[in-house]
């Protein structure tokens, strides 16, 4: 049998989601899909399975059409592809509504009703008109940072603001997934390292970020919190979050002990402690939320470590090497986020 292929070349573009691996074993988006494999999908469809179970937005192509046509297969495959495309459009198959494909801008308040006019100004207006150079009638998304989102169209652009007409009413999507909070003594980091930490905590999905004030990191420069909020908002838009990272006011370690006691689990990054991954995998249940504690340059003092452990913090190791504050924060956050998402139930059973 002559093998036709679906690749990222450009003859016939259509929306299709790869069927389960049991049907298309070994087929990837940039590799070839044999005609025999596709026949299996067609047979499943002929038995009454909905095409939408296979369809989602994503471009793939049918190549080698002339060769397939010589075997009498092109018309059948093309028709199947068109059916997939049509049903995907009709049912508006969207895998995750929080990750849209339109430019997204932050506003403090979203309209409840379709047709409401919203003004966008300030930094968002600059980004919309000067950076992205959007024009009248371009479609965009507006979000409020609390899970609310509205689709709209650019109605008018003035010297200082843009007017957006809401195409939908306000939709609120709940916050899902792991719920981890970071408290790190990063307020006195220099050279953009603190900014980098804020950006990456936002991208990785931390819920809150608290700058810790400790004996070795006792101050935070003025107006840094305002800067961190702006950085977090930019990262929120870039990574398609709908709920913004809450960058809290600098907090003394002693004031954080109450949160440590209340947390479901609190991990303290500490040199020489049992490895974090081992601690997580040995847990009877993979934690989905908690507090992550990272010390300053030079680490917590012994007195501070004892206070945290007495409050219930569990010391965990992050490897054999000495890590900078921002590196340790991202290492521990990445680990708990990935394992929490990958093992949402009993870790030992997994």
C-alpha atoms as a PDB file:
ATOM      1  CA  UNK A   1       0.000   0.000   0.000  1.00  0.00           C
ATOM      2  CA  UNK A   2       1.266   3.422  -0.879  1.00  0.00           C
ATOM      3  CA  UNK A   3       1.756   5.543   2.250  1.00  0.00           C
ATOM      4  CA  UNK A   4       0.343   9.049   2.202  1.00  0.00           C
ATOM      5  CA  UNK A   5       1.570  11.390   4.920  1.00  0.00           C
ATOM      6  CA  UNK A   6       0.277  14.084   7.225  1.00  0.00           C
ATOM      7  CA  UNK A   7       3.103  16.514   7.982  1.00  0.00           C
ATOM      8  CA  UNK A   8       3.646  20.221   8.449  1.00  0.00           C
ATOM      9  CA  UNK A   9       4.024  20.762   4.701  1.00  0.00           C
ATOM     10  CA  UNK A  10       1.404  22.750   2.843  1.00  0.00           C
ATOM     11  CA  UNK A  11      -1.097  21.173   0.507  1.00  0.00           C
ATOM     12  CA  UNK A  12      -4.273  20.610   2.479  1.00  0.00           C
ATOM     13  CA  UNK A  13      -4.479  22.294   5.915  1.00  0.00           C
ATOM     14  CA  UNK A  14      -7.105  21.196   8.397  1.00  0.00           C
ATOM     15  CA  UNK A  15      -7.767  20.919  12.109  1.00  0.00           C
ATOM     16  CA  UNK A  16      -7.129  17.496  13.606  1.00  0.00           C
ATOM     17  CA  UNK A  17      -6.118  16.109  16.968  1.00  0.00           C
ATOM     18  CA  UNK A  18      -4.016  12.963  16.882  1.00  0.00           C
ATOM     19  CA  UNK A  19      -6.126  10.002  18.040  1.00  0.00           C
ATOM     20  CA  UNK A  20      -4.989   7.949  21.035  1.00  0.00           C
ATOM     21  CA  UNK A  21      -1.553   6.262  20.852  1.00  0.00           C
ATOM     22  CA  UNK A  22      -3.227   2.864  20.570  1.00  0.00           C
ATOM     23  CA  UNK A  23      -4.575   3.963  17.175  1.00  0.00           C
ATOM     24  CA  UNK A  24      -1.659   5.988  15.876  1.00  0.00           C
ATOM     25  CA  UNK A  25       1.235   4.396  17.706  1.00  0.00           C
ATOM     26  CA  UNK A  26       4.470   6.207  16.982  1.00  0.00           C
ATOM     27  CA  UNK A  27       2.866   9.048  14.988  1.00  0.00           C
ATOM     28  CA  UNK A  28       3.961  12.564  15.921  1.00  0.00           C
ATOM     29  CA  UNK A  29       2.981  15.982  14.685  1.00  0.00           C
ATOM     30  CA  UNK A  30       6.144  16.356  12.611  1.00  0.00           C
ATOM     31  CA  UNK A  31       6.417  12.738  11.480  1.00  0.00           C
ATOM     32  CA  UNK A  32       4.430  10.807   8.908  1.00  0.00           C
ATOM     33  CA  UNK A  33       1.011   9.230   9.436  1.00  0.00           C
ATOM     34  CA  UNK A  34       0.457   6.226   7.203  1.00  0.00           C
ATOM     35  CA  UNK A  35      -2.732   5.671   5.255  1.00  0.00           C
ATOM     36  CA  UNK A  36      -3.323   2.455   7.171  1.00  0.00           C
ATOM     37  CA  UNK A  37      -3.330   4.407  10.434  1.00  0.00           C
ATOM     38  CA  UNK A  38      -5.768   6.939   9.045  1.00  0.00           C
ATOM     39  CA  UNK A  39      -8.046   4.143   7.848  1.00  0.00           C
ATOM     40  CA  UNK A  40      -8.277   3.038  11.449  1.00  0.00           C
ATOM     41  CA  UNK A  41      -9.573   6.486  12.391  1.00  0.00           C
ATOM     42  CA  UNK A  42     -12.080   6.392   9.541  1.00  0.00           C
ATOM     43  CA  UNK A  43     -13.309   2.978  10.698  1.00  0.00           C
ATOM     44  CA  UNK A  44     -13.807   4.270  14.212  1.00  0.00           C
ATOM     45  CA  UNK A  45     -15.801   7.162  12.807  1.00  0.00           C
ATOM     46  CA  UNK A  46     -17.908   4.798  10.699  1.00  0.00           C
ATOM     47  CA  UNK A  47     -18.887   2.997  13.909  1.00  0.00           C
ATOM     48  CA  UNK A  48     -20.470   6.186  15.180  1.00  0.00           C
ATOM     49  CA  UNK A  49     -17.729   7.862  17.214  1.00  0.00           C
ATOM     50  CA  UNK A  50     -17.902  11.654  17.115  1.00  0.00           C
ATOM     51  CA  UNK A  51     -15.260  13.347  15.029  1.00  0.00           C
ATOM     52  CA  UNK A  52     -14.969  15.990  17.734  1.00  0.00           C
ATOM     53  CA  UNK A  53     -13.267  13.414  19.959  1.00  0.00           C
ATOM     54  CA  UNK A  54     -10.313  13.724  17.605  1.00  0.00           C
ATOM     55  CA  UNK A  55     -10.519  17.403  16.715  1.00  0.00           C
ATOM     56  CA  UNK A  56      -8.902  20.427  18.281  1.00  0.00           C
ATOM     57  CA  UNK A  57      -7.261  23.553  16.880  1.00  0.00           C
ATOM     58  CA  UNK A  58      -3.906  22.672  15.358  1.00  0.00           C
ATOM     59  CA  UNK A  59      -2.732  22.787  11.766  1.00  0.00           C
ATOM     60  CA  UNK A  60      -1.579  19.632   9.988  1.00  0.00           C
ATOM     61  CA  UNK A  61      -1.332  18.912   6.282  1.00  0.00           C
ATOM     62  CA  UNK A  62      -2.037  16.234   3.709  1.00  0.00           C
ATOM     63  CA  UNK A  63       0.941  15.802   1.423  1.00  0.00           C
ATOM     64  CA  UNK A  64       1.663  13.487  -1.476  1.00  0.00           C
ATOM     65  CA  UNK A  65      -1.874  14.055  -2.768  1.00  0.00           C
ATOM     66  CA  UNK A  66      -1.044  13.154  -6.381  1.00  0.00           C
ATOM     67  CA  UNK A  67       0.511   9.856  -5.416  1.00  0.00           C
ATOM     68  CA  UNK A  68      -2.400   9.008  -3.139  1.00  0.00           C
ATOM     69  CA  UNK A  69      -4.886   9.958  -5.843  1.00  0.00           C
ATOM     70  CA  UNK A  70      -3.343   7.377  -8.159  1.00  0.00           C
ATOM     71  CA  UNK A  71      -4.355   4.764  -5.612  1.00  0.00           C
ATOM     72  CA  UNK A  72      -7.865   6.167  -5.324  1.00  0.00           C
ATOM     73  CA  UNK A  73      -7.432   7.329  -1.740  1.00  0.00           C
ATOM     74  CA  UNK A  74      -7.130  11.108  -1.905  1.00  0.00           C
ATOM     75  CA  UNK A  75     -10.815  11.954  -2.249  1.00  0.00           C
ATOM     76  CA  UNK A  76     -11.826   9.831   0.739  1.00  0.00           C
ATOM     77  CA  UNK A  77      -9.061  11.175   2.951  1.00  0.00           C
ATOM     78  CA  UNK A  78      -9.713  14.765   1.855  1.00  0.00           C
ATOM     79  CA  UNK A  79     -13.419  14.405   2.636  1.00  0.00           C
ATOM     80  CA  UNK A  80     -12.586  13.048   6.086  1.00  0.00           C
ATOM     81  CA  UNK A  81     -10.249  15.968   6.725  1.00  0.00           C
ATOM     82  CA  UNK A  82     -12.927  18.467   5.713  1.00  0.00           C
ATOM     83  CA  UNK A  83     -15.425  16.778   8.044  1.00  0.00           C
ATOM     84  CA  UNK A  84     -12.958  17.113  10.904  1.00  0.00           C
ATOM     85  CA  UNK A  85     -12.444  20.783  10.152  1.00  0.00           C
ATOM     86  CA  UNK A  86     -16.152  21.507   9.858  1.00  0.00           C
ATOM     87  CA  UNK A  87     -17.123  19.756  13.070  1.00  0.00           C
ATOM     88  CA  UNK A  88     -14.283  21.384  14.993  1.00  0.00           C
ATOM     89  CA  UNK A  89     -15.497  24.807  13.874  1.00  0.00           C
ATOM     90  CA  UNK A  90     -19.170  24.068  14.547  1.00  0.00           C
ATOM     91  CA  UNK A  91     -18.587  22.777  18.053  1.00  0.00           C
ATOM     92  CA  UNK A  92     -15.845  25.326  18.838  1.00  0.00           C
ATOM     93  CA  UNK A  93     -13.577  22.692  20.256  1.00  0.00           C
ATOM     94  CA  UNK A  94     -11.212  24.405  22.691  1.00  0.00           C
ATOM     95  CA  UNK A  95      -8.899  22.360  24.910  1.00  0.00           C
ATOM     96  CA  UNK A  96      -8.340  25.125  27.459  1.00  0.00           C
ATOM     97  CA  UNK A  97     -10.321  28.338  27.380  1.00  0.00           C
ATOM     98  CA  UNK A  98      -7.723  30.117  29.489  1.00  0.00           C
ATOM     99  CA  UNK A  99      -5.181  29.841  26.670  1.00  0.00           C
ATOM    100  CA  UNK A 100      -6.547  31.871  23.835  1.00  0.00           C
ATOM    101  CA  UNK A 101      -4.841  32.789  20.614  1.00  0.00           C
ATOM    102  CA  UNK A 102      -5.777  36.483  20.658  1.00  0.00           C
ATOM    103  CA  UNK A 103      -3.656  39.329  22.048  1.00  0.00           C
ATOM    104  CA  UNK A 104      -4.555  39.733  25.719  1.00  0.00           C
ATOM    105  CA  UNK A 105      -4.657  42.928  27.775  1.00  0.00           C
ATOM    106  CA  UNK A 106      -5.263  43.615  31.439  1.00  0.00           C
ATOM    107  CA  UNK A 107      -8.025  45.882  32.711  1.00  0.00           C
ATOM    108  CA  UNK A 108      -9.142  46.411  36.281  1.00  0.00           C
ATOM    109  CA  UNK A 109     -12.825  45.872  35.555  1.00  0.00           C
ATOM    110  CA  UNK A 110     -14.529  43.739  32.915  1.00  0.00           C
ATOM    111  CA  UNK A 111     -17.962  44.410  31.412  1.00  0.00           C
ATOM    112  CA  UNK A 112     -20.730  42.025  32.408  1.00  0.00           C
ATOM    113  CA  UNK A 113     -22.710  42.443  29.193  1.00  0.00           C
ATOM    114  CA  UNK A 114     -21.966  42.026  25.514  1.00  0.00           C
ATOM    115  CA  UNK A 115     -21.689  45.316  23.612  1.00  0.00           C
ATOM    116  CA  UNK A 116     -20.281  47.315  26.534  1.00  0.00           C
ATOM    117  CA  UNK A 117     -17.482  49.747  25.671  1.00  0.00           C
ATOM    118  CA  UNK A 118     -14.259  49.425  27.678  1.00  0.00           C
ATOM    119  CA  UNK A 119     -11.395  51.917  27.643  1.00  0.00           C
ATOM    120  CA  UNK A 120      -7.818  50.663  27.642  1.00  0.00           C
ATOM    121  CA  UNK A 121      -5.108  53.163  28.558  1.00  0.00           C
ATOM    122  CA  UNK A 122      -1.691  53.417  30.162  1.00  0.00           C
ATOM    123  CA  UNK A 123       0.896  50.704  29.543  1.00  0.00           C
ATOM    124  CA  UNK A 124      -1.689  48.381  28.004  1.00  0.00           C
ATOM    125  CA  UNK A 125      -2.680  51.048  25.479  1.00  0.00           C
ATOM    126  CA  UNK A 126       0.970  51.575  24.583  1.00  0.00           C
ATOM    127  CA  UNK A 127       1.520  47.851  24.133  1.00  0.00           C
ATOM    128  CA  UNK A 128      -1.630  47.513  22.049  1.00  0.00           C
ATOM    129  CA  UNK A 129      -1.003  50.411  19.658  1.00  0.00           C
ATOM    130  CA  UNK A 130       2.759  50.992  19.629  1.00  0.00           C
ATOM    131  CA  UNK A 131       4.173  47.494  20.114  1.00  0.00           C
ATOM    132  CA  UNK A 132       1.587  45.211  18.504  1.00  0.00           C
ATOM    133  CA  UNK A 133       0.252  47.994  16.261  1.00  0.00           C
ATOM    134  CA  UNK A 134      -3.313  46.737  16.370  1.00  0.00           C
ATOM    135  CA  UNK A 135      -5.924  48.471  14.249  1.00  0.00           C
ATOM    136  CA  UNK A 136      -9.652  49.101  14.397  1.00  0.00           C
ATOM    137  CA  UNK A 137     -11.722  45.892  14.083  1.00  0.00           C
ATOM    138  CA  UNK A 138      -8.873  43.695  15.368  1.00  0.00           C
ATOM    139  CA  UNK A 139     -10.078  41.156  17.927  1.00  0.00           C
ATOM    140  CA  UNK A 140      -8.486  40.976  21.368  1.00  0.00           C
ATOM    141  CA  UNK A 141      -9.072  39.552  24.840  1.00  0.00           C
ATOM    142  CA  UNK A 142      -9.390  41.487  28.088  1.00  0.00           C
ATOM    143  CA  UNK A 143      -8.755  39.911  31.503  1.00  0.00           C
ATOM    144  CA  UNK A 144      -8.850  41.198  35.069  1.00  0.00           C
ATOM    145  CA  UNK A 145      -6.282  38.946  36.743  1.00  0.00           C
ATOM    146  CA  UNK A 146      -8.929  37.213  38.867  1.00  0.00           C
ATOM    147  CA  UNK A 147     -10.098  34.620  36.361  1.00  0.00           C
ATOM    148  CA  UNK A 148     -12.367  36.901  34.355  1.00  0.00           C
ATOM    149  CA  UNK A 149     -12.029  37.168  30.587  1.00  0.00           C
ATOM    150  CA  UNK A 150     -13.914  38.941  27.773  1.00  0.00           C
ATOM    151  CA  UNK A 151     -13.422  38.814  24.032  1.00  0.00           C
ATOM    152  CA  UNK A 152     -13.726  42.114  22.249  1.00  0.00           C
ATOM    153  CA  UNK A 153     -12.980  44.081  19.111  1.00  0.00           C
ATOM    154  CA  UNK A 154     -11.002  47.303  18.830  1.00  0.00           C
ATOM    155  CA  UNK A 155     -13.603  49.975  18.127  1.00  0.00           C
ATOM    156  CA  UNK A 156     -11.676  53.253  18.183  1.00  0.00           C
ATOM    157  CA  UNK A 157      -8.165  54.506  18.909  1.00  0.00           C
ATOM    158  CA  UNK A 158      -7.590  57.993  20.281  1.00  0.00           C
ATOM    159  CA  UNK A 159      -4.425  59.765  21.349  1.00  0.00           C
ATOM    160  CA  UNK A 160      -4.480  58.432  24.902  1.00  0.00           C
ATOM    161  CA  UNK A 161      -6.701  55.371  24.942  1.00  0.00           C
ATOM    162  CA  UNK A 162      -8.392  52.667  22.923  1.00  0.00           C
ATOM    163  CA  UNK A 163     -12.080  51.778  23.031  1.00  0.00           C
ATOM    164  CA  UNK A 164     -12.953  48.097  22.940  1.00  0.00           C
ATOM    165  CA  UNK A 165     -16.430  46.722  22.320  1.00  0.00           C
ATOM    166  CA  UNK A 166     -17.168  43.514  24.240  1.00  0.00           C
ATOM    167  CA  UNK A 167     -18.184  40.637  21.981  1.00  0.00           C
ATOM    168  CA  UNK A 168     -19.028  38.440  24.967  1.00  0.00           C
ATOM    169  CA  UNK A 169     -20.085  38.947  28.537  1.00  0.00           C
ATOM    170  CA  UNK A 170     -17.638  38.391  31.379  1.00  0.00           C
ATOM    171  CA  UNK A 171     -16.694  34.748  31.810  1.00  0.00           C
ATOM    172  CA  UNK A 172     -15.002  33.640  35.016  1.00  0.00           C
ATOM    173  CA  UNK A 173     -12.779  30.578  34.954  1.00  0.00           C
ATOM    174  CA  UNK A 174     -11.914  28.958  38.289  1.00  0.00           C
ATOM    175  CA  UNK A 175      -8.350  28.611  39.453  1.00  0.00           C
ATOM    176  CA  UNK A 176      -7.275  25.015  39.084  1.00  0.00           C
ATOM    177  CA  UNK A 177      -4.125  22.984  39.574  1.00  0.00           C
ATOM    178  CA  UNK A 178      -1.500  22.962  42.333  1.00  0.00           C
ATOM    179  CA  UNK A 179      -1.609  25.758  44.880  1.00  0.00           C
ATOM    180  CA  UNK A 180       1.950  26.583  45.986  1.00  0.00           C
ATOM    181  CA  UNK A 181       3.167  29.709  47.734  1.00  0.00           C
ATOM    182  CA  UNK A 182       6.752  30.969  47.734  1.00  0.00           C
ATOM    183  CA  UNK A 183       8.459  32.942  50.503  1.00  0.00           C
ATOM    184  CA  UNK A 184      12.034  33.889  49.630  1.00  0.00           C
ATOM    185  CA  UNK A 185      14.582  36.375  50.949  1.00  0.00           C
ATOM    186  CA  UNK A 186      15.273  37.969  47.562  1.00  0.00           C
ATOM    187  CA  UNK A 187      14.678  41.650  48.299  1.00  0.00           C
ATOM    188  CA  UNK A 188      18.346  42.649  48.231  1.00  0.00           C
ATOM    189  CA  UNK A 189      19.376  40.706  45.124  1.00  0.00           C
ATOM    190  CA  UNK A 190      21.104  42.840  42.501  1.00  0.00           C
ATOM    191  CA  UNK A 191      21.578  42.846  38.754  1.00  0.00           C
ATOM    192  CA  UNK A 192      18.006  41.976  37.825  1.00  0.00           C
ATOM    193  CA  UNK A 193      18.055  38.672  39.677  1.00  0.00           C
ATOM    194  CA  UNK A 194      15.058  39.559  41.844  1.00  0.00           C
ATOM    195  CA  UNK A 195      13.103  40.608  38.745  1.00  0.00           C
ATOM    196  CA  UNK A 196      13.964  37.281  37.115  1.00  0.00           C
ATOM    197  CA  UNK A 197      12.717  35.387  40.168  1.00  0.00           C
ATOM    198  CA  UNK A 198       9.384  37.218  40.081  1.00  0.00           C
ATOM    199  CA  UNK A 199       8.961  36.541  36.360  1.00  0.00           C
ATOM    200  CA  UNK A 200       9.704  32.822  36.630  1.00  0.00           C
ATOM    201  CA  UNK A 201       7.523  32.283  39.690  1.00  0.00           C
ATOM    202  CA  UNK A 202       4.688  33.801  37.682  1.00  0.00           C
ATOM    203  CA  UNK A 203       5.331  31.579  34.675  1.00  0.00           C
ATOM    204  CA  UNK A 204       5.595  28.415  36.778  1.00  0.00           C
ATOM    205  CA  UNK A 205       2.268  29.049  38.483  1.00  0.00           C
ATOM    206  CA  UNK A 206       3.035  30.144  42.055  1.00  0.00           C
ATOM    207  CA  UNK A 207      -0.003  31.652  43.768  1.00  0.00           C
ATOM    208  CA  UNK A 208       1.824  34.130  45.998  1.00  0.00           C
ATOM    209  CA  UNK A 209       5.374  35.410  46.373  1.00  0.00           C
ATOM    210  CA  UNK A 210       6.467  36.920  49.673  1.00  0.00           C
ATOM    211  CA  UNK A 211       9.764  38.823  50.011  1.00  0.00           C
ATOM    212  CA  UNK A 212      11.185  37.651  53.343  1.00  0.00           C
ATOM    213  CA  UNK A 213      13.039  39.955  55.701  1.00  0.00           C
ATOM    214  CA  UNK A 214      15.679  38.013  57.646  1.00  0.00           C
ATOM    215  CA  UNK A 215      18.806  38.737  59.654  1.00  0.00           C
ATOM    216  CA  UNK A 216      20.919  38.557  56.484  1.00  0.00           C
ATOM    217  CA  UNK A 217      18.380  40.238  54.203  1.00  0.00           C
ATOM    218  CA  UNK A 218      16.710  42.899  56.287  1.00  0.00           C
ATOM    219  CA  UNK A 219      15.641  45.496  53.734  1.00  0.00           C
ATOM    220  CA  UNK A 220      13.909  45.888  50.383  1.00  0.00           C
ATOM    221  CA  UNK A 221      14.606  48.927  48.229  1.00  0.00           C
ATOM    222  CA  UNK A 222      11.789  51.441  47.883  1.00  0.00           C
ATOM    223  CA  UNK A 223       9.344  51.018  44.984  1.00  0.00           C
ATOM    224  CA  UNK A 224      10.641  47.553  44.175  1.00  0.00           C
ATOM    225  CA  UNK A 225       7.236  46.061  44.935  1.00  0.00           C
ATOM    226  CA  UNK A 226       5.655  48.301  42.269  1.00  0.00           C
ATOM    227  CA  UNK A 227       8.241  47.152  39.776  1.00  0.00           C
ATOM    228  CA  UNK A 228       7.668  43.496  40.685  1.00  0.00           C
ATOM    229  CA  UNK A 229       3.936  43.916  40.155  1.00  0.00           C
ATOM    230  CA  UNK A 230       4.571  45.260  36.641  1.00  0.00           C
ATOM    231  CA  UNK A 231       6.960  42.397  35.873  1.00  0.00           C
ATOM    232  CA  UNK A 232       4.474  39.860  37.180  1.00  0.00           C
ATOM    233  CA  UNK A 233       1.697  41.324  35.043  1.00  0.00           C
ATOM    234  CA  UNK A 234       3.839  41.159  31.900  1.00  0.00           C
ATOM    235  CA  UNK A 235       4.714  37.543  32.680  1.00  0.00           C
ATOM    236  CA  UNK A 236       1.043  36.760  33.370  1.00  0.00           C
ATOM    237  CA  UNK A 237       0.116  37.899  29.872  1.00  0.00           C
ATOM    238  CA  UNK A 238       3.060  36.092  28.278  1.00  0.00           C
ATOM    239  CA  UNK A 239       2.301  32.724  29.893  1.00  0.00           C
ATOM    240  CA  UNK A 240      -1.484  33.055  29.438  1.00  0.00           C
ATOM    241  CA  UNK A 241      -2.401  32.988  33.116  1.00  0.00           C
ATOM    242  CA  UNK A 242      -5.792  34.366  34.061  1.00  0.00           C
ATOM    243  CA  UNK A 243      -5.018  34.649  37.773  1.00  0.00           C
ATOM    244  CA  UNK A 244      -2.092  36.932  38.520  1.00  0.00           C
ATOM    245  CA  UNK A 245       0.697  36.177  40.950  1.00  0.00           C
ATOM    246  CA  UNK A 246       0.131  37.988  44.243  1.00  0.00           C
ATOM    247  CA  UNK A 247       3.433  39.708  45.089  1.00  0.00           C
ATOM    248  CA  UNK A 248       3.009  40.519  48.760  1.00  0.00           C
ATOM    249  CA  UNK A 249       4.562  43.202  50.879  1.00  0.00           C
ATOM    250  CA  UNK A 250       7.934  42.371  52.480  1.00  0.00           C
ATOM    251  CA  UNK A 251       7.350  40.291  55.625  1.00  0.00           C
ATOM    252  CA  UNK A 252       9.591  39.548  58.578  1.00  0.00           C
ATOM    253  CA  UNK A 253      10.341  35.879  59.145  1.00  0.00           C
ATOM    254  CA  UNK A 254       8.779  35.936  62.608  1.00  0.00           C
ATOM    255  CA  UNK A 255       5.487  37.140  61.128  1.00  0.00           C
ATOM    256  CA  UNK A 256       5.490  34.251  58.650  1.00  0.00           C
ATOM    257  CA  UNK A 257       5.635  31.537  61.319  1.00  0.00           C
ATOM    258  CA  UNK A 258       1.840  31.545  61.655  1.00  0.00           C
ATOM    259  CA  UNK A 259       1.481  30.723  57.941  1.00  0.00           C
ATOM    260  CA  UNK A 260       4.069  27.969  58.294  1.00  0.00           C
ATOM    261  CA  UNK A 261       2.008  26.392  61.078  1.00  0.00           C
ATOM    262  CA  UNK A 262      -1.224  26.637  59.063  1.00  0.00           C
ATOM    263  CA  UNK A 263       0.232  25.341  55.782  1.00  0.00           C
ATOM    264  CA  UNK A 264      -0.658  21.825  54.692  1.00  0.00           C
ATOM    265  CA  UNK A 265       3.049  21.311  54.119  1.00  0.00           C
ATOM    266  CA  UNK A 266       5.999  23.710  54.304  1.00  0.00           C
ATOM    267  CA  UNK A 267       9.301  22.832  52.641  1.00  0.00           C
ATOM    268  CA  UNK A 268      12.467  24.591  53.767  1.00  0.00           C
ATOM    269  CA  UNK A 269      15.346  24.583  51.252  1.00  0.00           C
ATOM    270  CA  UNK A 270      18.334  23.499  53.337  1.00  0.00           C
ATOM    271  CA  UNK A 271      21.813  22.251  52.467  1.00  0.00           C
ATOM    272  CA  UNK A 272      22.422  18.637  53.474  1.00  0.00           C
ATOM    273  CA  UNK A 273      18.741  17.825  54.002  1.00  0.00           C
ATOM    274  CA  UNK A 274      17.043  14.759  52.430  1.00  0.00           C
ATOM    275  CA  UNK A 275      16.389  15.317  48.704  1.00  0.00           C
ATOM    276  CA  UNK A 276      13.129  17.060  47.865  1.00  0.00           C
ATOM    277  CA  UNK A 277      12.051  14.483  45.276  1.00  0.00           C
ATOM    278  CA  UNK A 278      12.662  11.620  47.684  1.00  0.00           C
ATOM    279  CA  UNK A 279      10.608  13.406  50.343  1.00  0.00           C
ATOM    280  CA  UNK A 280       7.742  13.949  47.904  1.00  0.00           C
ATOM    281  CA  UNK A 281       7.712  10.406  46.531  1.00  0.00           C
ATOM    282  CA  UNK A 282       7.851   8.916  50.021  1.00  0.00           C
ATOM    283  CA  UNK A 283       4.756  10.860  51.040  1.00  0.00           C
ATOM    284  CA  UNK A 284       1.580   8.853  51.478  1.00  0.00           C
ATOM    285  CA  UNK A 285      -0.150  11.410  49.270  1.00  0.00           C
ATOM    286  CA  UNK A 286       1.388  13.849  46.827  1.00  0.00           C
ATOM    287  CA  UNK A 287       0.802  17.345  48.251  1.00  0.00           C
ATOM    288  CA  UNK A 288      -1.074  19.712  45.975  1.00  0.00           C
ATOM    289  CA  UNK A 289      -0.476  22.851  47.966  1.00  0.00           C
ATOM    290  CA  UNK A 290       1.902  24.294  50.495  1.00  0.00           C
ATOM    291  CA  UNK A 291       4.568  26.847  51.333  1.00  0.00           C
ATOM    292  CA  UNK A 292       8.118  26.953  49.969  1.00  0.00           C
ATOM    293  CA  UNK A 293      10.798  28.706  52.047  1.00  0.00           C
ATOM    294  CA  UNK A 294      14.084  29.925  50.567  1.00  0.00           C
ATOM    295  CA  UNK A 295      16.698  31.790  52.569  1.00  0.00           C
ATOM    296  CA  UNK A 296      18.876  34.774  51.653  1.00  0.00           C
ATOM    297  CA  UNK A 297      22.433  34.868  50.359  1.00  0.00           C
ATOM    298  CA  UNK A 298      24.351  33.144  53.146  1.00  0.00           C
ATOM    299  CA  UNK A 299      21.190  31.180  54.064  1.00  0.00           C
ATOM    300  CA  UNK A 300      19.029  31.467  57.151  1.00  0.00           C
ATOM    301  CA  UNK A 301      20.831  31.695  60.464  1.00  0.00           C
ATOM    302  CA  UNK A 302      20.751  28.618  62.677  1.00  0.00           C
ATOM    303  CA  UNK A 303      18.281  30.381  64.958  1.00  0.00           C
ATOM    304  CA  UNK A 304      15.935  31.093  62.041  1.00  0.00           C
ATOM    305  CA  UNK A 305      16.162  27.511  60.828  1.00  0.00           C
ATOM    306  CA  UNK A 306      15.220  26.224  64.268  1.00  0.00           C
ATOM    307  CA  UNK A 307      12.241  28.600  64.422  1.00  0.00           C
ATOM    308  CA  UNK A 308      10.969  27.392  61.060  1.00  0.00           C
ATOM    309  CA  UNK A 309      11.402  23.720  61.928  1.00  0.00           C
ATOM    310  CA  UNK A 310       9.631  24.207  65.255  1.00  0.00           C
ATOM    311  CA  UNK A 311       6.744  25.796  63.329  1.00  0.00           C
ATOM    312  CA  UNK A 312       6.470  22.677  61.163  1.00  0.00           C
ATOM    313  CA  UNK A 313       8.727  23.314  58.157  1.00  0.00           C
ATOM    314  CA  UNK A 314      10.338  20.220  56.600  1.00  0.00           C
ATOM    315  CA  UNK A 315      13.979  20.684  55.483  1.00  0.00           C
ATOM    316  CA  UNK A 316      14.597  19.427  51.934  1.00  0.00           C
ATOM    317  CA  UNK A 317      17.724  19.312  49.784  1.00  0.00           C
ATOM    318  CA  UNK A 318      18.063  20.618  46.235  1.00  0.00           C
ATOM    319  CA  UNK A 319      21.223  18.800  45.191  1.00  0.00           C
ATOM    320  CA  UNK A 320      24.886  18.773  46.044  1.00  0.00           C
ATOM    321  CA  UNK A 321      25.729  22.257  44.819  1.00  0.00           C
ATOM    322  CA  UNK A 322      25.334  25.645  46.453  1.00  0.00           C
ATOM    323  CA  UNK A 323      22.554  27.525  44.694  1.00  0.00           C
ATOM    324  CA  UNK A 324      21.802  31.214  44.430  1.00  0.00           C
ATOM    325  CA  UNK A 325      18.563  32.400  45.996  1.00  0.00           C
ATOM    326  CA  UNK A 326      16.705  32.719  42.691  1.00  0.00           C
ATOM    327  CA  UNK A 327      18.009  29.367  41.429  1.00  0.00           C
ATOM    328  CA  UNK A 328      16.901  27.580  44.600  1.00  0.00           C
ATOM    329  CA  UNK A 329      13.468  29.210  44.419  1.00  0.00           C
ATOM    330  CA  UNK A 330      12.870  28.131  40.827  1.00  0.00           C
ATOM    331  CA  UNK A 331      14.302  24.647  41.416  1.00  0.00           C
ATOM    332  CA  UNK A 332      12.022  23.879  44.342  1.00  0.00           C
ATOM    333  CA  UNK A 333       8.953  25.473  42.724  1.00  0.00           C
ATOM    334  CA  UNK A 334       9.475  23.643  39.423  1.00  0.00           C
ATOM    335  CA  UNK A 335       9.822  20.311  41.202  1.00  0.00           C
ATOM    336  CA  UNK A 336       6.693  20.556  43.323  1.00  0.00           C
ATOM    337  CA  UNK A 337       4.606  21.968  40.459  1.00  0.00           C
ATOM    338  CA  UNK A 338       5.590  19.240  37.999  1.00  0.00           C
ATOM    339  CA  UNK A 339       5.182  16.396  40.484  1.00  0.00           C
ATOM    340  CA  UNK A 340       1.895  17.789  41.817  1.00  0.00           C
ATOM    341  CA  UNK A 341       0.473  18.032  38.301  1.00  0.00           C
ATOM    342  CA  UNK A 342       1.831  14.647  37.265  1.00  0.00           C
ATOM    343  CA  UNK A 343       0.850  12.741  40.425  1.00  0.00           C
ATOM    344  CA  UNK A 344      -2.388  14.292  41.673  1.00  0.00           C
ATOM    345  CA  UNK A 345      -3.295  11.216  43.719  1.00  0.00           C
ATOM    346  CA  UNK A 346      -1.500   8.815  45.997  1.00  0.00           C
ATOM    347  CA  UNK A 347       2.189   8.990  45.141  1.00  0.00           C
ATOM    348  CA  UNK A 348       3.059   5.434  46.190  1.00  0.00           C
ATOM    349  CA  UNK A 349       0.246   3.968  44.107  1.00  0.00           C
ATOM    350  CA  UNK A 350       1.449   5.926  41.045  1.00  0.00           C
END
